[in-house]
N, C-alpha and C. Protein backbone atom coordinates (compact mmCIF):
# COMPACT_ATOMS: atom_id res chain seq x y z
N MET A 1 -18.83 18.27 -5.88
CA MET A 1 -18.78 19.42 -5.00
C MET A 1 -17.76 19.17 -3.89
N THR A 2 -16.91 20.11 -3.67
CA THR A 2 -15.88 20.01 -2.67
C THR A 2 -16.37 20.53 -1.32
N ILE A 3 -16.04 19.78 -0.28
CA ILE A 3 -16.37 20.22 1.08
C ILE A 3 -15.12 20.82 1.69
N LYS A 4 -15.19 22.07 2.07
CA LYS A 4 -14.03 22.78 2.62
C LYS A 4 -13.98 22.67 4.14
N THR A 5 -12.77 22.50 4.66
CA THR A 5 -12.62 22.42 6.11
C THR A 5 -13.03 23.73 6.77
N THR A 6 -12.80 24.84 6.10
CA THR A 6 -13.19 26.14 6.68
C THR A 6 -14.71 26.23 6.83
N ASP A 7 -15.44 25.78 5.81
CA ASP A 7 -16.90 25.80 5.89
C ASP A 7 -17.41 24.85 6.97
N LEU A 8 -16.79 23.68 7.08
CA LEU A 8 -17.19 22.73 8.11
C LEU A 8 -16.94 23.29 9.51
N CYS A 9 -15.81 23.96 9.69
CA CYS A 9 -15.52 24.59 10.99
C CYS A 9 -16.54 25.68 11.31
N ASP A 10 -16.91 26.46 10.30
CA ASP A 10 -17.92 27.51 10.51
C ASP A 10 -19.26 26.89 10.90
N GLU A 11 -19.61 25.80 10.24
CA GLU A 11 -20.90 25.16 10.48
C GLU A 11 -20.96 24.41 11.81
N HIS A 12 -19.87 23.75 12.18
CA HIS A 12 -19.89 22.86 13.34
C HIS A 12 -19.22 23.42 14.59
N GLY A 13 -18.56 24.57 14.46
CA GLY A 13 -17.93 25.20 15.63
C GLY A 13 -16.95 24.30 16.34
N ASP A 14 -17.06 24.24 17.65
CA ASP A 14 -16.10 23.48 18.46
C ASP A 14 -16.23 21.97 18.32
N THR A 15 -17.28 21.48 17.69
CA THR A 15 -17.37 20.03 17.49
C THR A 15 -16.45 19.56 16.37
N ALA A 16 -15.99 20.49 15.56
CA ALA A 16 -14.98 20.17 14.55
C ALA A 16 -13.61 20.22 15.24
N ARG A 17 -12.98 19.07 15.36
CA ARG A 17 -11.66 19.01 16.01
C ARG A 17 -10.58 19.26 14.96
N VAL A 18 -9.83 20.33 15.14
CA VAL A 18 -8.83 20.75 14.16
C VAL A 18 -7.45 20.24 14.58
N LEU A 19 -6.83 19.45 13.74
CA LEU A 19 -5.49 18.96 14.03
C LEU A 19 -4.49 20.11 13.91
N ALA A 20 -3.45 20.06 14.74
CA ALA A 20 -2.39 21.07 14.67
C ALA A 20 -1.82 21.08 13.24
N PRO A 21 -1.45 22.26 12.74
CA PRO A 21 -1.00 22.38 11.36
C PRO A 21 0.44 21.89 11.16
N LEU A 22 0.62 20.59 11.27
CA LEU A 22 1.95 19.98 11.17
C LEU A 22 2.23 19.37 9.81
N PHE A 23 1.20 19.21 9.00
CA PHE A 23 1.31 18.35 7.83
C PHE A 23 1.54 19.11 6.53
N THR A 24 2.30 18.46 5.65
CA THR A 24 2.59 18.97 4.31
C THR A 24 1.91 18.04 3.31
N ASP A 25 1.44 18.61 2.21
CA ASP A 25 0.81 17.82 1.16
C ASP A 25 1.87 17.23 0.24
N PHE A 26 1.74 15.92 -0.02
CA PHE A 26 2.68 15.24 -0.91
C PHE A 26 2.00 14.58 -2.10
N GLY A 27 0.71 14.34 -2.04
CA GLY A 27 0.00 13.70 -3.14
C GLY A 27 -0.43 14.69 -4.21
N GLY A 28 -0.98 14.16 -5.28
CA GLY A 28 -1.46 14.99 -6.38
C GLY A 28 -2.76 15.70 -6.05
N ARG A 29 -3.40 15.31 -4.96
CA ARG A 29 -4.60 15.99 -4.47
C ARG A 29 -4.34 16.49 -3.06
N THR A 30 -5.02 17.53 -2.68
CA THR A 30 -4.91 18.03 -1.30
C THR A 30 -6.18 17.74 -0.51
N GLU A 31 -7.28 17.46 -1.21
CA GLU A 31 -8.56 17.27 -0.55
C GLU A 31 -8.86 15.79 -0.33
N MET A 32 -9.34 15.48 0.88
CA MET A 32 -9.74 14.11 1.19
C MET A 32 -10.84 14.16 2.22
N SER A 33 -11.69 13.16 2.17
CA SER A 33 -12.69 12.99 3.22
C SER A 33 -13.08 11.53 3.25
N GLY A 34 -13.31 11.05 4.46
CA GLY A 34 -13.71 9.67 4.62
C GLY A 34 -13.46 9.19 6.02
N PRO A 35 -13.93 7.99 6.32
CA PRO A 35 -13.68 7.42 7.64
C PRO A 35 -12.23 6.97 7.78
N ALA A 36 -11.72 7.08 8.98
CA ALA A 36 -10.34 6.71 9.26
C ALA A 36 -10.20 5.21 9.51
N LEU A 37 -9.08 4.67 9.07
CA LEU A 37 -8.62 3.36 9.52
C LEU A 37 -7.23 3.62 10.09
N THR A 38 -7.06 3.38 11.37
CA THR A 38 -5.82 3.74 12.04
C THR A 38 -4.85 2.56 12.11
N VAL A 39 -3.58 2.93 12.10
CA VAL A 39 -2.51 1.97 12.30
C VAL A 39 -1.40 2.67 13.08
N LYS A 40 -0.89 1.99 14.09
CA LYS A 40 0.20 2.54 14.89
C LYS A 40 1.42 1.66 14.65
N SER A 41 2.49 2.31 14.16
CA SER A 41 3.67 1.54 13.80
C SER A 41 4.89 2.45 13.83
N PHE A 42 5.85 2.10 14.66
CA PHE A 42 7.05 2.92 14.82
C PHE A 42 8.19 2.34 13.99
N GLU A 43 8.58 3.07 12.94
CA GLU A 43 9.72 2.74 12.09
C GLU A 43 9.61 1.36 11.44
N ASP A 44 8.40 0.88 11.24
CA ASP A 44 8.13 -0.40 10.59
C ASP A 44 6.81 -0.25 9.85
N ASN A 45 6.83 -0.42 8.53
CA ASN A 45 5.61 -0.22 7.77
C ASN A 45 4.95 -1.54 7.33
N SER A 46 5.22 -2.62 8.03
CA SER A 46 4.63 -3.92 7.68
C SER A 46 3.11 -3.86 7.62
N ARG A 47 2.47 -3.31 8.66
CA ARG A 47 1.00 -3.23 8.69
C ARG A 47 0.50 -2.25 7.64
N VAL A 48 1.23 -1.17 7.41
CA VAL A 48 0.83 -0.17 6.41
C VAL A 48 0.76 -0.83 5.03
N LYS A 49 1.78 -1.61 4.69
CA LYS A 49 1.81 -2.31 3.40
C LYS A 49 0.63 -3.27 3.30
N GLU A 50 0.38 -4.05 4.36
CA GLU A 50 -0.75 -4.99 4.34
C GLU A 50 -2.07 -4.27 4.11
N LEU A 51 -2.27 -3.16 4.80
CA LEU A 51 -3.52 -2.42 4.67
C LEU A 51 -3.68 -1.82 3.28
N SER A 52 -2.58 -1.39 2.67
CA SER A 52 -2.65 -0.76 1.34
C SER A 52 -3.15 -1.73 0.28
N LEU A 53 -3.04 -3.02 0.54
CA LEU A 53 -3.47 -4.04 -0.42
C LEU A 53 -4.93 -4.42 -0.24
N GLN A 54 -5.57 -3.92 0.80
CA GLN A 54 -6.98 -4.21 1.07
C GLN A 54 -7.87 -3.16 0.40
N PRO A 55 -9.12 -3.50 0.13
CA PRO A 55 -10.04 -2.50 -0.43
C PRO A 55 -10.18 -1.30 0.51
N GLY A 56 -9.96 -0.11 -0.02
CA GLY A 56 -10.01 1.10 0.80
C GLY A 56 -11.42 1.57 1.09
N GLU A 57 -12.33 1.35 0.15
CA GLU A 57 -13.73 1.73 0.32
C GLU A 57 -13.89 3.18 0.74
N GLY A 58 -13.03 4.07 0.17
CA GLY A 58 -13.15 5.49 0.46
C GLY A 58 -12.61 5.92 1.80
N ARG A 59 -11.89 5.03 2.49
CA ARG A 59 -11.34 5.37 3.80
C ARG A 59 -10.01 6.13 3.67
N ILE A 60 -9.63 6.72 4.80
CA ILE A 60 -8.34 7.40 4.91
C ILE A 60 -7.47 6.59 5.84
N LEU A 61 -6.28 6.22 5.36
CA LEU A 61 -5.34 5.47 6.17
C LEU A 61 -4.60 6.47 7.08
N VAL A 62 -4.80 6.32 8.38
CA VAL A 62 -4.18 7.21 9.37
C VAL A 62 -3.05 6.43 10.03
N ILE A 63 -1.83 6.90 9.82
CA ILE A 63 -0.64 6.19 10.28
C ILE A 63 0.05 6.99 11.39
N ASP A 64 0.14 6.40 12.56
CA ASP A 64 0.87 7.02 13.67
C ASP A 64 2.25 6.38 13.73
N GLY A 65 3.22 7.08 13.19
CA GLY A 65 4.60 6.61 13.20
C GLY A 65 5.41 7.25 14.31
N GLY A 66 4.72 7.82 15.28
CA GLY A 66 5.41 8.44 16.41
C GLY A 66 6.19 9.69 16.03
N GLY A 67 5.98 10.19 14.83
CA GLY A 67 6.68 11.39 14.38
C GLY A 67 8.14 11.17 14.05
N SER A 68 8.58 9.92 14.00
CA SER A 68 10.00 9.64 13.76
C SER A 68 10.44 10.12 12.38
N ASP A 69 11.57 10.81 12.35
CA ASP A 69 12.14 11.27 11.09
C ASP A 69 13.33 10.40 10.66
N ARG A 70 13.52 9.27 11.32
CA ARG A 70 14.66 8.40 11.00
C ARG A 70 14.42 7.52 9.77
N CYS A 71 13.16 7.39 9.35
CA CYS A 71 12.87 6.63 8.14
C CYS A 71 11.48 7.01 7.65
N ALA A 72 11.20 6.63 6.41
CA ALA A 72 9.88 6.86 5.81
C ALA A 72 9.02 5.62 6.02
N LEU A 73 7.76 5.84 6.36
CA LEU A 73 6.81 4.74 6.51
C LEU A 73 5.96 4.53 5.27
N PHE A 74 6.15 5.37 4.26
CA PHE A 74 5.22 5.44 3.15
C PHE A 74 5.97 5.92 1.92
N GLY A 75 5.79 5.23 0.79
CA GLY A 75 6.44 5.64 -0.44
C GLY A 75 5.57 5.36 -1.65
N ASP A 76 6.20 5.37 -2.83
CA ASP A 76 5.46 5.25 -4.07
C ASP A 76 4.72 3.93 -4.23
N VAL A 77 5.30 2.82 -3.79
CA VAL A 77 4.65 1.51 -3.95
C VAL A 77 3.36 1.45 -3.13
N ILE A 78 3.43 1.86 -1.87
CA ILE A 78 2.25 1.86 -1.01
C ILE A 78 1.21 2.84 -1.54
N ALA A 79 1.65 4.02 -1.97
CA ALA A 79 0.72 5.02 -2.51
C ALA A 79 -0.01 4.48 -3.75
N LEU A 80 0.70 3.83 -4.63
CA LEU A 80 0.07 3.25 -5.82
C LEU A 80 -0.95 2.18 -5.43
N ASP A 81 -0.62 1.38 -4.42
CA ASP A 81 -1.57 0.38 -3.94
C ASP A 81 -2.84 1.05 -3.41
N LEU A 82 -2.68 2.15 -2.66
CA LEU A 82 -3.85 2.85 -2.13
C LEU A 82 -4.74 3.35 -3.27
N VAL A 83 -4.12 3.93 -4.29
CA VAL A 83 -4.88 4.43 -5.44
C VAL A 83 -5.63 3.28 -6.11
N LYS A 84 -4.93 2.17 -6.38
CA LYS A 84 -5.54 1.01 -7.06
C LYS A 84 -6.69 0.41 -6.25
N ASN A 85 -6.60 0.50 -4.92
CA ASN A 85 -7.57 -0.17 -4.07
C ASN A 85 -8.63 0.74 -3.48
N GLY A 86 -8.74 1.97 -4.00
CA GLY A 86 -9.88 2.83 -3.66
C GLY A 86 -9.82 3.54 -2.32
N TRP A 87 -8.62 3.84 -1.85
CA TRP A 87 -8.48 4.64 -0.62
C TRP A 87 -8.66 6.11 -0.96
N ALA A 88 -9.18 6.90 -0.01
CA ALA A 88 -9.41 8.33 -0.22
C ALA A 88 -8.17 9.17 0.08
N GLY A 89 -7.26 8.63 0.88
CA GLY A 89 -6.07 9.39 1.22
C GLY A 89 -5.30 8.74 2.35
N ALA A 90 -4.22 9.42 2.74
CA ALA A 90 -3.38 8.97 3.85
C ALA A 90 -2.95 10.17 4.67
N LEU A 91 -3.02 10.01 5.97
CA LEU A 91 -2.55 11.01 6.92
C LEU A 91 -1.47 10.32 7.75
N ILE A 92 -0.25 10.85 7.68
CA ILE A 92 0.89 10.16 8.27
C ILE A 92 1.60 11.04 9.28
N TYR A 93 1.57 10.61 10.54
CA TYR A 93 2.35 11.27 11.58
C TYR A 93 3.73 10.62 11.53
N GLY A 94 4.42 10.96 10.48
CA GLY A 94 5.72 10.40 10.15
C GLY A 94 6.13 10.93 8.79
N TYR A 95 7.02 10.21 8.14
CA TYR A 95 7.65 10.70 6.93
C TYR A 95 7.38 9.80 5.73
N VAL A 96 7.46 10.40 4.54
CA VAL A 96 7.28 9.70 3.28
C VAL A 96 8.57 9.78 2.47
N ARG A 97 8.61 9.03 1.39
CA ARG A 97 9.70 9.15 0.42
C ARG A 97 9.12 9.07 -0.98
N ASP A 98 9.94 9.24 -1.99
CA ASP A 98 9.49 9.23 -3.39
C ASP A 98 8.56 10.40 -3.71
N LYS A 99 8.92 11.58 -3.22
CA LYS A 99 8.09 12.78 -3.40
C LYS A 99 7.71 13.05 -4.85
N ALA A 100 8.65 12.86 -5.77
CA ALA A 100 8.38 13.17 -7.17
C ALA A 100 7.26 12.30 -7.73
N VAL A 101 7.20 11.05 -7.32
CA VAL A 101 6.13 10.16 -7.78
C VAL A 101 4.83 10.49 -7.07
N LEU A 102 4.90 10.70 -5.76
CA LEU A 102 3.69 10.96 -4.97
C LEU A 102 2.91 12.15 -5.50
N ARG A 103 3.61 13.21 -5.90
CA ARG A 103 2.91 14.43 -6.32
C ARG A 103 2.13 14.25 -7.62
N ASP A 104 2.40 13.15 -8.36
CA ASP A 104 1.67 12.90 -9.60
C ASP A 104 0.53 11.91 -9.44
N LEU A 105 0.31 11.40 -8.23
CA LEU A 105 -0.73 10.40 -8.01
C LEU A 105 -2.05 11.07 -7.60
N PRO A 106 -3.18 10.52 -8.06
CA PRO A 106 -4.48 11.12 -7.76
C PRO A 106 -5.01 10.73 -6.38
N ILE A 107 -4.26 11.12 -5.35
CA ILE A 107 -4.64 10.81 -3.98
C ILE A 107 -4.05 11.87 -3.06
N ALA A 108 -4.74 12.15 -1.97
CA ALA A 108 -4.23 13.09 -0.97
C ALA A 108 -3.32 12.34 -0.01
N ILE A 109 -2.14 12.89 0.22
CA ILE A 109 -1.17 12.32 1.15
C ILE A 109 -0.63 13.47 1.98
N LYS A 110 -0.85 13.41 3.28
CA LYS A 110 -0.38 14.45 4.18
C LYS A 110 0.55 13.81 5.20
N ALA A 111 1.74 14.38 5.35
CA ALA A 111 2.75 13.83 6.25
C ALA A 111 3.59 14.95 6.83
N LEU A 112 4.45 14.59 7.78
CA LEU A 112 5.31 15.59 8.42
C LEU A 112 6.44 16.06 7.51
N GLY A 113 6.92 15.20 6.64
CA GLY A 113 8.03 15.56 5.77
C GLY A 113 8.48 14.36 4.96
N ALA A 114 9.66 14.47 4.37
CA ALA A 114 10.20 13.41 3.53
C ALA A 114 11.57 12.98 4.03
N SER A 115 11.86 11.70 3.86
CA SER A 115 13.15 11.12 4.22
C SER A 115 13.46 10.02 3.22
N PRO A 116 14.68 9.91 2.73
CA PRO A 116 14.99 8.88 1.74
C PRO A 116 15.13 7.47 2.32
N ARG A 117 15.32 7.35 3.62
CA ARG A 117 15.56 6.03 4.23
C ARG A 117 14.26 5.26 4.38
N LYS A 118 14.27 3.97 3.97
CA LYS A 118 13.09 3.13 4.13
C LYS A 118 13.05 2.55 5.55
N SER A 119 11.87 2.11 5.93
CA SER A 119 11.72 1.48 7.24
C SER A 119 12.18 0.03 7.16
N ILE A 120 12.40 -0.55 8.31
CA ILE A 120 12.77 -1.97 8.39
C ILE A 120 11.52 -2.75 8.76
N LYS A 121 11.25 -3.80 8.01
CA LYS A 121 10.07 -4.62 8.28
C LYS A 121 10.39 -5.64 9.38
N ARG A 122 9.67 -5.49 10.51
CA ARG A 122 9.83 -6.40 11.65
C ARG A 122 8.49 -7.06 11.99
N ASP A 123 7.51 -6.90 11.08
CA ASP A 123 6.17 -7.46 11.28
C ASP A 123 5.51 -6.93 12.55
N GLU A 124 5.70 -5.63 12.81
CA GLU A 124 5.12 -4.99 13.98
C GLU A 124 4.06 -3.99 13.57
N GLY A 125 3.27 -3.57 14.52
CA GLY A 125 2.26 -2.55 14.31
C GLY A 125 0.89 -3.02 14.76
N GLN A 126 0.05 -2.05 15.10
CA GLN A 126 -1.30 -2.33 15.58
C GLN A 126 -2.31 -1.63 14.69
N VAL A 127 -3.30 -2.35 14.27
CA VAL A 127 -4.35 -1.83 13.39
C VAL A 127 -5.62 -1.61 14.20
N GLY A 128 -6.28 -0.48 13.96
CA GLY A 128 -7.57 -0.21 14.57
C GLY A 128 -7.52 0.34 15.98
N VAL A 129 -6.33 0.69 16.46
CA VAL A 129 -6.22 1.27 17.80
C VAL A 129 -6.32 2.79 17.69
N ALA A 130 -6.83 3.42 18.74
CA ALA A 130 -6.88 4.89 18.76
C ALA A 130 -5.45 5.43 18.78
N VAL A 131 -5.21 6.47 18.00
CA VAL A 131 -3.89 7.11 17.95
C VAL A 131 -4.04 8.57 18.35
N THR A 132 -3.00 9.11 18.96
CA THR A 132 -3.03 10.50 19.40
C THR A 132 -1.82 11.24 18.85
N PHE A 133 -2.09 12.28 18.08
CA PHE A 133 -1.05 13.18 17.57
C PHE A 133 -1.71 14.46 17.09
N ALA A 134 -0.93 15.48 16.88
CA ALA A 134 -1.42 16.77 16.40
C ALA A 134 -2.53 17.32 17.28
N GLY A 135 -2.50 16.98 18.58
CA GLY A 135 -3.43 17.55 19.54
C GLY A 135 -4.75 16.82 19.71
N HIS A 136 -4.95 15.69 18.99
CA HIS A 136 -6.22 14.99 19.07
C HIS A 136 -6.04 13.48 18.97
N THR A 137 -7.02 12.77 19.48
CA THR A 137 -7.06 11.32 19.35
C THR A 137 -7.97 10.99 18.17
N ILE A 138 -7.50 10.08 17.32
CA ILE A 138 -8.25 9.64 16.15
C ILE A 138 -8.51 8.15 16.31
N ALA A 139 -9.76 7.76 16.17
CA ALA A 139 -10.15 6.36 16.26
C ALA A 139 -10.62 5.88 14.89
N THR A 140 -10.46 4.59 14.65
CA THR A 140 -11.01 4.01 13.42
C THR A 140 -12.50 4.33 13.37
N GLY A 141 -12.92 4.82 12.22
CA GLY A 141 -14.32 5.22 12.03
C GLY A 141 -14.56 6.70 12.16
N ASP A 142 -13.66 7.44 12.84
CA ASP A 142 -13.80 8.89 12.87
C ASP A 142 -13.78 9.42 11.44
N HIS A 143 -14.57 10.44 11.18
CA HIS A 143 -14.63 10.99 9.83
C HIS A 143 -13.65 12.17 9.71
N LEU A 144 -12.72 12.05 8.76
CA LEU A 144 -11.71 13.09 8.54
C LEU A 144 -12.01 13.87 7.27
N TYR A 145 -11.68 15.14 7.33
CA TYR A 145 -11.72 16.01 6.16
C TYR A 145 -10.38 16.73 6.11
N GLY A 146 -9.79 16.80 4.93
CA GLY A 146 -8.54 17.52 4.78
C GLY A 146 -8.52 18.29 3.47
N ASP A 147 -7.84 19.42 3.48
CA ASP A 147 -7.64 20.22 2.27
C ASP A 147 -6.44 21.13 2.50
N ASP A 148 -6.34 22.17 1.68
CA ASP A 148 -5.20 23.10 1.79
C ASP A 148 -5.14 23.80 3.14
N ASP A 149 -6.27 23.90 3.83
CA ASP A 149 -6.31 24.63 5.10
C ASP A 149 -6.05 23.76 6.31
N GLY A 150 -6.01 22.44 6.15
CA GLY A 150 -5.72 21.57 7.28
C GLY A 150 -6.56 20.33 7.31
N VAL A 151 -6.55 19.67 8.46
CA VAL A 151 -7.28 18.42 8.67
C VAL A 151 -8.16 18.58 9.89
N ILE A 152 -9.42 18.13 9.75
CA ILE A 152 -10.35 18.16 10.88
C ILE A 152 -11.00 16.79 11.06
N ILE A 153 -11.50 16.57 12.26
CA ILE A 153 -12.27 15.37 12.58
C ILE A 153 -13.68 15.81 12.94
N LEU A 154 -14.65 15.15 12.33
CA LEU A 154 -16.06 15.39 12.67
C LEU A 154 -16.70 14.04 12.93
N ASN A 155 -17.28 13.88 14.06
CA ASN A 155 -18.00 12.65 14.38
C ASN A 155 -19.48 12.91 14.29
N ALA A 156 -20.22 11.88 13.91
CA ALA A 156 -21.67 12.01 13.72
C ALA A 156 -22.36 12.31 15.03
């Protein structure tokens, strides 16, 4: 059974925090739900790659790339790792690459757009810190729901 963001907003009213509609769907699925694991990394996907290799346990990888369009923080290799390791999806305040491959993978991937340039690995980034974008702060453990209508945060 699919849980729709529209139904959740109707049920929970103002306690459902709706992210600004900035994101485009890139994965083979548009629906995702699960607890967030946050990572903050500007133009360096070192931490993102490390996290993609860990068991996802149904979580959503929330990446705050500062909205930079100068490079992609996420591509086909990381997406395949997420699928293999049981992640529910990825929400990226930044850019992806390898769109043709991403759209065929059984995972929800929402990002600002696509860029062919890869990031430079400088071994930077912070895991588990609260991130703020699209009008809201997201903390590790916050429960996210996403579908064709957008992304919301609901806390217990």
